[in-house]
Amino acid sequence: MTWGDAALTVITIAAFRLLPAFARNILRLTDYRKTWYEITVGVVMGLLGWVAAQLHLLVFDKLYLWWGSQKRLLGTQDNRSNE
């Protein structure tokens, strides 16, 4: 572990400890009407959507690119007769 790693760990812990107080002050300033439940559901749904999108790009985008690749479409004559 380097000094940079240790400093990053301390900064991260401090940020997470200060996050609730910071969030409370921001919500008080903006007079936010949503409950913590609604905010939490929104954040969780956003994260799940992001994970689903990344999984889709990881799996289906590669499959789509392979399916339309010139190498597959213009393969040898033997490959075309098998399709």
C-alpha atoms as a PDB file:
ATOM      1  CA  MET A   1       0.000   0.000   0.000  1.00  0.00           C
ATOM      2  CA  THR A   2       1.400   3.359  -0.997  1.00  0.00           C
ATOM      3  CA  TRP A   3       0.900   6.745   0.646  1.00  0.00           C
ATOM      4  CA  GLY A   4      -1.384   7.705  -2.213  1.00  0.00           C
ATOM      5  CA  ASP A   5      -3.614   4.694  -1.543  1.00  0.00           C
ATOM      6  CA  ALA A   6      -3.743   5.539   2.150  1.00  0.00           C
ATOM      7  CA  ALA A   7      -4.612   9.176   1.418  1.00  0.00           C
ATOM      8  CA  LEU A   8      -7.335   8.141  -1.028  1.00  0.00           C
ATOM      9  CA  THR A   9      -8.796   5.782   1.586  1.00  0.00           C
ATOM     10  CA  VAL A  10      -8.867   8.509   4.237  1.00  0.00           C
ATOM     11  CA  ILE A  11     -10.452  11.010   1.824  1.00  0.00           C
ATOM     12  CA  THR A  12     -13.096   8.469   0.777  1.00  0.00           C
ATOM     13  CA  ILE A  13     -13.980   7.621   4.383  1.00  0.00           C
ATOM     14  CA  ALA A  14     -14.203  11.324   5.270  1.00  0.00           C
ATOM     15  CA  ALA A  15     -16.418  12.022   2.250  1.00  0.00           C
ATOM     16  CA  PHE A  16     -18.809   9.207   3.154  1.00  0.00           C
ATOM     17  CA  ARG A  17     -18.969  10.378   6.769  1.00  0.00           C
ATOM     18  CA  LEU A  18     -19.814  13.943   5.677  1.00  0.00           C
ATOM     19  CA  LEU A  19     -22.281  12.912   2.974  1.00  0.00           C
ATOM     20  CA  PRO A  20     -25.440  12.712   5.170  1.00  0.00           C
ATOM     21  CA  ALA A  21     -24.866  16.194   6.651  1.00  0.00           C
ATOM     22  CA  PHE A  22     -24.127  17.617   3.206  1.00  0.00           C
ATOM     23  CA  ALA A  23     -27.235  16.002   1.720  1.00  0.00           C
ATOM     24  CA  ARG A  24     -29.403  17.302   4.576  1.00  0.00           C
ATOM     25  CA  ASN A  25     -28.171  20.865   4.016  1.00  0.00           C
ATOM     26  CA  ILE A  26     -28.754  20.689   0.261  1.00  0.00           C
ATOM     27  CA  LEU A  27     -32.261  19.275   0.741  1.00  0.00           C
ATOM     28  CA  ARG A  28     -33.052  21.970   3.293  1.00  0.00           C
ATOM     29  CA  LEU A  29     -31.830  24.720   0.966  1.00  0.00           C
ATOM     30  CA  THR A  30     -33.813  23.468  -2.013  1.00  0.00           C
ATOM     31  CA  ASP A  31     -36.924  22.640   0.054  1.00  0.00           C
ATOM     32  CA  TYR A  32     -37.047  19.227  -1.573  1.00  0.00           C
ATOM     33  CA  ARG A  33     -40.421  17.488  -1.208  1.00  0.00           C
ATOM     34  CA  LYS A  34     -39.456  13.912  -2.098  1.00  0.00           C
ATOM     35  CA  THR A  35     -38.969  11.387   0.663  1.00  0.00           C
ATOM     36  CA  TRP A  36     -35.784   9.419   1.199  1.00  0.00           C
ATOM     37  CA  TYR A  37     -37.633   6.348  -0.048  1.00  0.00           C
ATOM     38  CA  GLU A  38     -38.390   7.986  -3.405  1.00  0.00           C
ATOM     39  CA  ILE A  39     -34.803   9.197  -3.748  1.00  0.00           C
ATOM     40  CA  THR A  40     -33.433   5.755  -2.868  1.00  0.00           C
ATOM     41  CA  VAL A  41     -35.752   4.010  -5.334  1.00  0.00           C
ATOM     42  CA  GLY A  42     -34.671   6.429  -8.065  1.00  0.00           C
ATOM     43  CA  VAL A  43     -30.980   5.880  -7.390  1.00  0.00           C
ATOM     44  CA  VAL A  44     -31.359   2.080  -7.252  1.00  0.00           C
ATOM     45  CA  MET A  45     -33.386   2.018 -10.474  1.00  0.00           C
ATOM     46  CA  GLY A  46     -30.796   4.189 -12.172  1.00  0.00           C
ATOM     47  CA  LEU A  47     -27.985   1.895 -11.069  1.00  0.00           C
ATOM     48  CA  LEU A  48     -29.869  -1.229 -12.171  1.00  0.00           C
ATOM     49  CA  GLY A  49     -30.572   0.383 -15.532  1.00  0.00           C
ATOM     50  CA  TRP A  50     -26.905   1.252 -15.924  1.00  0.00           C
ATOM     51  CA  VAL A  51     -25.883  -2.337 -15.097  1.00  0.00           C
ATOM     52  CA  ALA A  52     -28.414  -3.691 -17.613  1.00  0.00           C
ATOM     53  CA  ALA A  53     -27.141  -1.316 -20.301  1.00  0.00           C
ATOM     54  CA  GLN A  54     -23.520  -2.311 -19.667  1.00  0.00           C
ATOM     55  CA  LEU A  55     -24.429  -5.997 -19.805  1.00  0.00           C
ATOM     56  CA  HIS A  56     -26.330  -5.409 -23.040  1.00  0.00           C
ATOM     57  CA  LEU A  57     -23.335  -3.650 -24.581  1.00  0.00           C
ATOM     58  CA  LEU A  58     -20.963  -6.338 -23.367  1.00  0.00           C
ATOM     59  CA  VAL A  59     -22.961  -9.260 -24.765  1.00  0.00           C
ATOM     60  CA  PHE A  60     -25.361  -8.185 -27.491  1.00  0.00           C
ATOM     61  CA  ASP A  61     -23.255  -5.454 -29.084  1.00  0.00           C
ATOM     62  CA  LYS A  62     -20.432  -7.931 -29.737  1.00  0.00           C
ATOM     63  CA  LEU A  63     -22.944 -10.431 -31.108  1.00  0.00           C
ATOM     64  CA  TYR A  64     -24.479  -7.758 -33.353  1.00  0.00           C
ATOM     65  CA  LEU A  65     -21.081  -6.653 -34.644  1.00  0.00           C
ATOM     66  CA  TRP A  66     -20.070 -10.258 -35.298  1.00  0.00           C
ATOM     67  CA  TRP A  67     -23.349 -10.989 -37.083  1.00  0.00           C
ATOM     68  CA  GLY A  68     -22.806  -8.120 -39.543  1.00  0.00           C
ATOM     69  CA  SER A  69     -19.051  -8.462 -39.968  1.00  0.00           C
ATOM     70  CA  GLN A  70     -17.613  -8.714 -43.471  1.00  0.00           C
ATOM     71  CA  LYS A  71     -15.461 -11.628 -42.428  1.00  0.00           C
ATOM     72  CA  ARG A  72     -18.556 -13.688 -41.615  1.00  0.00           C
ATOM     73  CA  LEU A  73     -20.618 -12.453 -44.552  1.00  0.00           C
ATOM     74  CA  LEU A  74     -17.882 -12.750 -47.167  1.00  0.00           C
ATOM     75  CA  GLY A  75     -16.390 -16.007 -45.893  1.00  0.00           C
ATOM     76  CA  THR A  76     -15.039 -18.661 -48.199  1.00  0.00           C
ATOM     77  CA  GLN A  77     -17.211 -20.378 -50.761  1.00  0.00           C
ATOM     78  CA  ASP A  78     -17.442 -23.442 -48.519  1.00  0.00           C
ATOM     79  CA  ASN A  79     -18.957 -21.413 -45.693  1.00  0.00           C
ATOM     80  CA  ARG A  80     -21.613 -19.943 -47.992  1.00  0.00           C
ATOM     81  CA  SER A  81     -22.738 -23.338 -49.208  1.00  0.00           C
ATOM     82  CA  ASN A  82     -23.236 -24.500 -45.592  1.00  0.00           C
ATOM     83  CA  GLU A  83     -25.533 -21.591 -44.684  1.00  0.00           C
END
